[in-house]
Amino acid sequence: MTVCLNLSEYTVSHEEFTTTCTVSILQAPIDAKIPKLKDLRLIECRDYYDLGLQLDLRPNSLEALKKETSGDTRDFARGIFSSWLKGQGNKPTFKNLVLALRRIKEIEEAKKLCDKFGE
């Protein structure tokens, strides 16, 4: 089994300096997998609007969806994921979702997806 978010340490040495770096690597297994709406229920995000923006959904679409769902967070999240899976925004892959979650600092949610679907 391959882990999709992996922290690796390596040391760079040169005559004048030595440094240790920690690098976060997103590996290939989830690159092309397309999520299903039921798979996305496990995501608990603090700001679904921001996640929608990171998935390249249009702000006016997000505003309309927010109004349509009357502030119900789960319905709003379901609407965002549904729109994204129907081709609005960027390509619906687990990789793009993980990257979007990481950009909005939802690291634990990104790891949760990788643990469940990064085989």
N, C-alpha and C. Protein backbone atom coordinates (compact mmCIF):
# COMPACT_ATOMS: atom_id res chain seq x y z
N MET A 1 0.84 -1.18 0.00
CA MET A 1 0.00 0.00 0.00
C MET A 1 0.89 1.24 0.00
N THR A 2 0.55 2.21 -0.82
CA THR A 2 1.32 3.44 -0.91
C THR A 2 0.61 4.53 -0.14
N VAL A 3 1.35 5.30 0.60
CA VAL A 3 0.78 6.44 1.33
C VAL A 3 0.86 7.65 0.42
N CYS A 4 -0.25 8.41 0.31
CA CYS A 4 -0.23 9.50 -0.65
C CYS A 4 0.31 10.81 -0.07
N LEU A 5 0.21 11.02 1.21
CA LEU A 5 0.87 12.18 1.80
C LEU A 5 1.98 11.63 2.68
N ASN A 6 3.18 11.94 2.36
CA ASN A 6 4.31 11.33 3.01
C ASN A 6 5.30 12.41 3.38
N LEU A 7 5.75 12.43 4.61
CA LEU A 7 6.78 13.37 5.00
C LEU A 7 8.11 12.65 4.93
N SER A 8 9.01 13.20 4.16
CA SER A 8 10.32 12.60 4.02
C SER A 8 11.37 13.60 4.45
N GLU A 9 12.39 13.14 5.10
CA GLU A 9 13.49 14.02 5.47
C GLU A 9 14.71 13.66 4.65
N TYR A 10 15.42 14.67 4.26
CA TYR A 10 16.68 14.44 3.59
C TYR A 10 17.65 15.51 4.01
N THR A 11 18.91 15.23 3.90
CA THR A 11 19.95 16.17 4.31
C THR A 11 20.74 16.58 3.09
N VAL A 12 20.96 17.87 2.98
CA VAL A 12 21.78 18.43 1.91
C VAL A 12 23.08 18.91 2.54
N SER A 13 24.18 18.42 2.03
CA SER A 13 25.48 18.83 2.57
C SER A 13 26.32 19.47 1.48
N HIS A 14 27.01 20.48 1.88
CA HIS A 14 27.94 21.17 1.01
C HIS A 14 29.07 21.62 1.90
N GLU A 15 30.20 21.93 1.36
CA GLU A 15 31.34 22.36 2.18
C GLU A 15 30.97 23.49 3.14
N GLU A 16 30.09 24.38 2.70
CA GLU A 16 29.81 25.58 3.49
C GLU A 16 28.59 25.44 4.40
N PHE A 17 27.71 24.48 4.15
CA PHE A 17 26.51 24.36 5.00
C PHE A 17 25.95 22.95 4.95
N THR A 18 25.16 22.63 5.96
CA THR A 18 24.40 21.39 6.00
C THR A 18 22.99 21.75 6.47
N THR A 19 22.00 21.23 5.82
CA THR A 19 20.62 21.51 6.22
C THR A 19 19.78 20.26 6.07
N THR A 20 18.79 20.13 6.92
CA THR A 20 17.85 19.03 6.82
C THR A 20 16.50 19.61 6.43
N CYS A 21 15.88 19.01 5.44
CA CYS A 21 14.59 19.51 4.95
C CYS A 21 13.54 18.43 5.11
N THR A 22 12.33 18.85 5.41
CA THR A 22 11.19 17.93 5.42
C THR A 22 10.33 18.29 4.22
N VAL A 23 10.04 17.30 3.41
CA VAL A 23 9.30 17.53 2.18
C VAL A 23 8.02 16.73 2.21
N SER A 24 6.92 17.36 1.87
CA SER A 24 5.65 16.68 1.76
C SER A 24 5.47 16.25 0.31
N ILE A 25 5.20 14.97 0.10
CA ILE A 25 5.11 14.44 -1.25
C ILE A 25 3.70 13.91 -1.51
N LEU A 26 3.11 14.32 -2.61
CA LEU A 26 1.83 13.76 -3.03
C LEU A 26 2.16 12.72 -4.10
N GLN A 27 1.95 11.46 -3.79
CA GLN A 27 2.33 10.41 -4.72
C GLN A 27 1.19 10.06 -5.67
N ALA A 28 1.50 9.31 -6.67
CA ALA A 28 0.62 9.07 -7.81
C ALA A 28 -0.65 8.26 -7.60
N PRO A 29 -0.78 7.36 -6.65
CA PRO A 29 -1.93 6.47 -6.66
C PRO A 29 -3.30 7.13 -6.73
N ILE A 30 -3.47 8.32 -6.16
CA ILE A 30 -4.79 8.94 -6.19
C ILE A 30 -4.91 9.97 -7.31
N ASP A 31 -3.88 10.13 -8.13
CA ASP A 31 -3.90 11.16 -9.17
C ASP A 31 -5.13 11.12 -10.05
N ALA A 32 -5.50 9.97 -10.52
CA ALA A 32 -6.56 9.88 -11.53
C ALA A 32 -7.87 9.35 -10.99
N LYS A 33 -7.90 8.93 -9.74
CA LYS A 33 -9.13 8.38 -9.18
C LYS A 33 -10.18 9.48 -9.09
N ILE A 34 -11.38 9.16 -9.55
CA ILE A 34 -12.48 10.12 -9.48
C ILE A 34 -13.36 9.75 -8.29
N PRO A 35 -13.54 10.71 -7.39
CA PRO A 35 -14.34 10.41 -6.20
C PRO A 35 -15.83 10.27 -6.53
N LYS A 36 -16.53 9.59 -5.66
CA LYS A 36 -17.99 9.50 -5.74
C LYS A 36 -18.54 10.40 -4.64
N LEU A 37 -19.74 10.90 -4.85
CA LEU A 37 -20.34 11.81 -3.88
C LEU A 37 -20.39 11.18 -2.49
N LYS A 38 -20.70 9.89 -2.41
CA LYS A 38 -20.77 9.22 -1.10
C LYS A 38 -19.40 9.18 -0.41
N ASP A 39 -18.30 9.17 -1.18
CA ASP A 39 -16.96 9.16 -0.61
C ASP A 39 -16.62 10.49 0.06
N LEU A 40 -17.27 11.55 -0.39
CA LEU A 40 -16.92 12.88 0.08
C LEU A 40 -17.65 13.26 1.36
N ARG A 41 -18.57 12.43 1.81
CA ARG A 41 -19.29 12.72 3.05
C ARG A 41 -18.38 12.73 4.25
N LEU A 42 -17.26 12.05 4.19
CA LEU A 42 -16.38 11.98 5.35
C LEU A 42 -15.57 13.27 5.56
N ILE A 43 -15.60 14.18 4.60
CA ILE A 43 -14.85 15.43 4.72
C ILE A 43 -15.58 16.40 5.63
N GLU A 44 -14.88 16.90 6.62
CA GLU A 44 -15.41 17.92 7.52
C GLU A 44 -14.50 19.13 7.41
N CYS A 45 -14.99 20.13 6.72
CA CYS A 45 -14.19 21.31 6.40
C CYS A 45 -14.73 22.51 7.18
N ARG A 46 -13.83 23.37 7.64
CA ARG A 46 -14.26 24.58 8.36
C ARG A 46 -14.89 25.60 7.42
N ASP A 47 -14.46 25.64 6.16
CA ASP A 47 -14.95 26.66 5.23
C ASP A 47 -15.18 26.04 3.85
N TYR A 48 -16.38 25.55 3.64
CA TYR A 48 -16.70 24.91 2.36
C TYR A 48 -16.69 25.92 1.20
N TYR A 49 -17.03 27.16 1.48
CA TYR A 49 -17.00 28.19 0.44
C TYR A 49 -15.58 28.32 -0.11
N ASP A 50 -14.62 28.41 0.79
CA ASP A 50 -13.21 28.51 0.38
C ASP A 50 -12.77 27.25 -0.36
N LEU A 51 -13.22 26.09 0.10
CA LEU A 51 -12.90 24.84 -0.59
C LEU A 51 -13.47 24.88 -2.01
N GLY A 52 -14.70 25.35 -2.15
CA GLY A 52 -15.31 25.48 -3.47
C GLY A 52 -14.48 26.37 -4.39
N LEU A 53 -13.98 27.47 -3.85
CA LEU A 53 -13.12 28.35 -4.65
C LEU A 53 -11.84 27.62 -5.07
N GLN A 54 -11.26 26.85 -4.16
CA GLN A 54 -10.04 26.11 -4.47
C GLN A 54 -10.28 25.00 -5.49
N LEU A 55 -11.53 24.56 -5.59
CA LEU A 55 -11.89 23.56 -6.61
C LEU A 55 -12.28 24.24 -7.92
N ASP A 56 -12.05 25.54 -7.98
CA ASP A 56 -12.32 26.37 -9.16
C ASP A 56 -13.79 26.52 -9.49
N LEU A 57 -14.65 26.44 -8.49
CA LEU A 57 -16.05 26.76 -8.70
C LEU A 57 -16.18 28.28 -8.69
N ARG A 58 -17.09 28.81 -9.47
CA ARG A 58 -17.25 30.26 -9.58
C ARG A 58 -17.92 30.84 -8.33
N PRO A 59 -17.45 32.01 -7.90
CA PRO A 59 -18.05 32.65 -6.72
C PRO A 59 -19.56 32.85 -6.85
N ASN A 60 -20.05 33.25 -8.04
CA ASN A 60 -21.50 33.45 -8.18
C ASN A 60 -22.26 32.13 -8.05
N SER A 61 -21.67 31.03 -8.49
CA SER A 61 -22.30 29.71 -8.31
C SER A 61 -22.35 29.33 -6.83
N LEU A 62 -21.26 29.64 -6.13
CA LEU A 62 -21.20 29.33 -4.69
C LEU A 62 -22.21 30.17 -3.92
N GLU A 63 -22.34 31.44 -4.29
CA GLU A 63 -23.30 32.33 -3.62
C GLU A 63 -24.73 31.82 -3.85
N ALA A 64 -25.04 31.43 -5.08
CA ALA A 64 -26.38 30.92 -5.40
C ALA A 64 -26.65 29.63 -4.61
N LEU A 65 -25.66 28.78 -4.53
CA LEU A 65 -25.80 27.52 -3.79
C LEU A 65 -26.00 27.79 -2.30
N LYS A 66 -25.26 28.75 -1.78
CA LYS A 66 -25.37 29.11 -0.37
C LYS A 66 -26.80 29.59 -0.06
N LYS A 67 -27.32 30.42 -0.93
CA LYS A 67 -28.68 30.95 -0.76
C LYS A 67 -29.70 29.81 -0.88
N GLU A 68 -29.48 28.94 -1.86
CA GLU A 68 -30.39 27.82 -2.12
C GLU A 68 -30.46 26.84 -0.94
N THR A 69 -29.34 26.65 -0.26
CA THR A 69 -29.28 25.69 0.85
C THR A 69 -29.62 26.33 2.19
N SER A 70 -29.94 27.60 2.19
CA SER A 70 -30.37 28.33 3.40
C SER A 70 -29.42 28.17 4.58
N GLY A 71 -28.15 28.13 4.31
CA GLY A 71 -27.17 28.07 5.40
C GLY A 71 -26.95 26.70 6.00
N ASP A 72 -27.58 25.66 5.47
CA ASP A 72 -27.36 24.30 5.96
C ASP A 72 -26.00 23.83 5.44
N THR A 73 -25.05 23.66 6.34
CA THR A 73 -23.67 23.34 5.98
C THR A 73 -23.55 22.05 5.20
N ARG A 74 -24.24 21.00 5.63
CA ARG A 74 -24.11 19.71 4.94
C ARG A 74 -24.70 19.79 3.53
N ASP A 75 -25.84 20.48 3.38
CA ASP A 75 -26.43 20.64 2.04
C ASP A 75 -25.53 21.49 1.15
N PHE A 76 -24.92 22.51 1.73
CA PHE A 76 -24.00 23.37 0.98
C PHE A 76 -22.80 22.55 0.51
N ALA A 77 -22.22 21.76 1.41
CA ALA A 77 -21.08 20.91 1.06
C ALA A 77 -21.46 19.92 -0.03
N ARG A 78 -22.62 19.27 0.13
CA ARG A 78 -23.09 18.30 -0.87
C ARG A 78 -23.26 18.98 -2.23
N GLY A 79 -23.79 20.20 -2.22
CA GLY A 79 -23.98 20.94 -3.47
C GLY A 79 -22.66 21.30 -4.13
N ILE A 80 -21.68 21.68 -3.33
CA ILE A 80 -20.34 21.99 -3.86
C ILE A 80 -19.74 20.76 -4.52
N PHE A 81 -19.75 19.65 -3.79
CA PHE A 81 -19.16 18.43 -4.34
C PHE A 81 -19.92 17.93 -5.57
N SER A 82 -21.23 18.05 -5.53
CA SER A 82 -22.04 17.63 -6.66
C SER A 82 -21.72 18.46 -7.91
N SER A 83 -21.63 19.78 -7.75
CA SER A 83 -21.28 20.67 -8.87
C SER A 83 -19.90 20.32 -9.42
N TRP A 84 -18.97 20.11 -8.51
CA TRP A 84 -17.59 19.80 -8.91
C TRP A 84 -17.54 18.47 -9.67
N LEU A 85 -18.26 17.47 -9.18
CA LEU A 85 -18.25 16.17 -9.84
C LEU A 85 -18.94 16.20 -11.20
N LYS A 86 -19.82 17.18 -11.40
CA LYS A 86 -20.51 17.32 -12.69
C LYS A 86 -19.67 18.10 -13.70
N GLY A 87 -18.46 18.49 -13.33
CA GLY A 87 -17.57 19.13 -14.29
C GLY A 87 -17.41 20.63 -14.15
N GLN A 88 -18.07 21.22 -13.17
CA GLN A 88 -17.80 22.63 -12.91
C GLN A 88 -16.50 22.69 -12.12
N GLY A 89 -15.67 23.66 -12.38
CA GLY A 89 -14.41 23.75 -11.65
C GLY A 89 -13.34 22.88 -12.29
N ASN A 90 -12.31 22.57 -11.49
CA ASN A 90 -11.22 21.76 -12.03
C ASN A 90 -11.61 20.28 -12.11
N LYS A 91 -10.74 19.48 -12.71
CA LYS A 91 -11.03 18.07 -12.93
C LYS A 91 -11.27 17.37 -11.59
N PRO A 92 -12.39 16.65 -11.47
CA PRO A 92 -12.70 16.00 -10.20
C PRO A 92 -11.89 14.73 -9.95
N THR A 93 -10.74 14.89 -9.34
CA THR A 93 -9.91 13.75 -8.94
C THR A 93 -9.59 13.90 -7.46
N PHE A 94 -9.25 12.79 -6.83
CA PHE A 94 -8.84 12.88 -5.43
C PHE A 94 -7.61 13.78 -5.28
N LYS A 95 -6.71 13.73 -6.23
CA LYS A 95 -5.52 14.56 -6.15
C LYS A 95 -5.91 16.04 -6.07
N ASN A 96 -6.79 16.49 -6.95
CA ASN A 96 -7.20 17.90 -6.92
C ASN A 96 -7.91 18.25 -5.62
N LEU A 97 -8.70 17.33 -5.10
CA LEU A 97 -9.38 17.57 -3.84
C LEU A 97 -8.38 17.66 -2.69
N VAL A 98 -7.42 16.75 -2.65
CA VAL A 98 -6.40 16.78 -1.60
C VAL A 98 -5.60 18.08 -1.68
N LEU A 99 -5.22 18.48 -2.88
CA LEU A 99 -4.47 19.73 -3.03
C LEU A 99 -5.30 20.93 -2.60
N ALA A 100 -6.59 20.95 -2.93
CA ALA A 100 -7.47 22.04 -2.52
C ALA A 100 -7.57 22.09 -0.99
N LEU A 101 -7.73 20.94 -0.37
CA LEU A 101 -7.80 20.89 1.09
C LEU A 101 -6.51 21.39 1.72
N ARG A 102 -5.39 21.02 1.15
CA ARG A 102 -4.10 21.47 1.70
C ARG A 102 -3.94 22.98 1.55
N ARG A 103 -4.42 23.54 0.43
CA ARG A 103 -4.30 25.00 0.23
C ARG A 103 -5.09 25.79 1.26
N ILE A 104 -6.20 25.22 1.76
CA ILE A 104 -6.97 25.93 2.76
C ILE A 104 -6.64 25.43 4.18
N LYS A 105 -5.52 24.77 4.29
CA LYS A 105 -4.97 24.33 5.58
C LYS A 105 -5.83 23.26 6.28
N GLU A 106 -6.52 22.46 5.51
CA GLU A 106 -7.29 21.32 6.04
C GLU A 106 -6.45 20.06 5.88
N ILE A 107 -5.29 20.07 6.51
CA ILE A 107 -4.30 19.00 6.36
C ILE A 107 -4.85 17.66 6.87
N GLU A 108 -5.53 17.67 8.02
CA GLU A 108 -6.07 16.42 8.56
C GLU A 108 -7.11 15.80 7.64
N GLU A 109 -7.93 16.65 7.01
CA GLU A 109 -8.93 16.14 6.07
C GLU A 109 -8.25 15.55 4.83
N ALA A 110 -7.19 16.20 4.38
CA ALA A 110 -6.43 15.68 3.24
C ALA A 110 -5.82 14.32 3.59
N LYS A 111 -5.27 14.21 4.78
CA LYS A 111 -4.68 12.94 5.22
C LYS A 111 -5.74 11.86 5.33
N LYS A 112 -6.92 12.24 5.83
CA LYS A 112 -8.02 11.28 5.96
C LYS A 112 -8.40 10.70 4.60
N LEU A 113 -8.47 11.55 3.58
CA LEU A 113 -8.76 11.08 2.23
C LEU A 113 -7.67 10.15 1.72
N CYS A 114 -6.44 10.54 1.94
CA CYS A 114 -5.32 9.71 1.49
C CYS A 114 -5.28 8.37 2.19
N ASP A 115 -5.55 8.37 3.48
CA ASP A 115 -5.57 7.10 4.21
C ASP A 115 -6.67 6.17 3.70
N LYS A 116 -7.79 6.74 3.34
CA LYS A 116 -8.92 5.91 2.91
C LYS A 116 -8.82 5.49 1.45
N PHE A 117 -8.32 6.38 0.57
CA PHE A 117 -8.38 6.10 -0.86
C PHE A 117 -7.02 6.00 -1.56
N GLY A 118 -5.95 6.30 -0.87
CA GLY A 118 -4.63 6.25 -1.50
C GLY A 118 -4.01 4.88 -1.41
N GLU A 119 -4.43 4.00 -2.26
CA GLU A 119 -3.92 2.62 -2.23
C GLU A 119 -2.76 2.44 -3.15
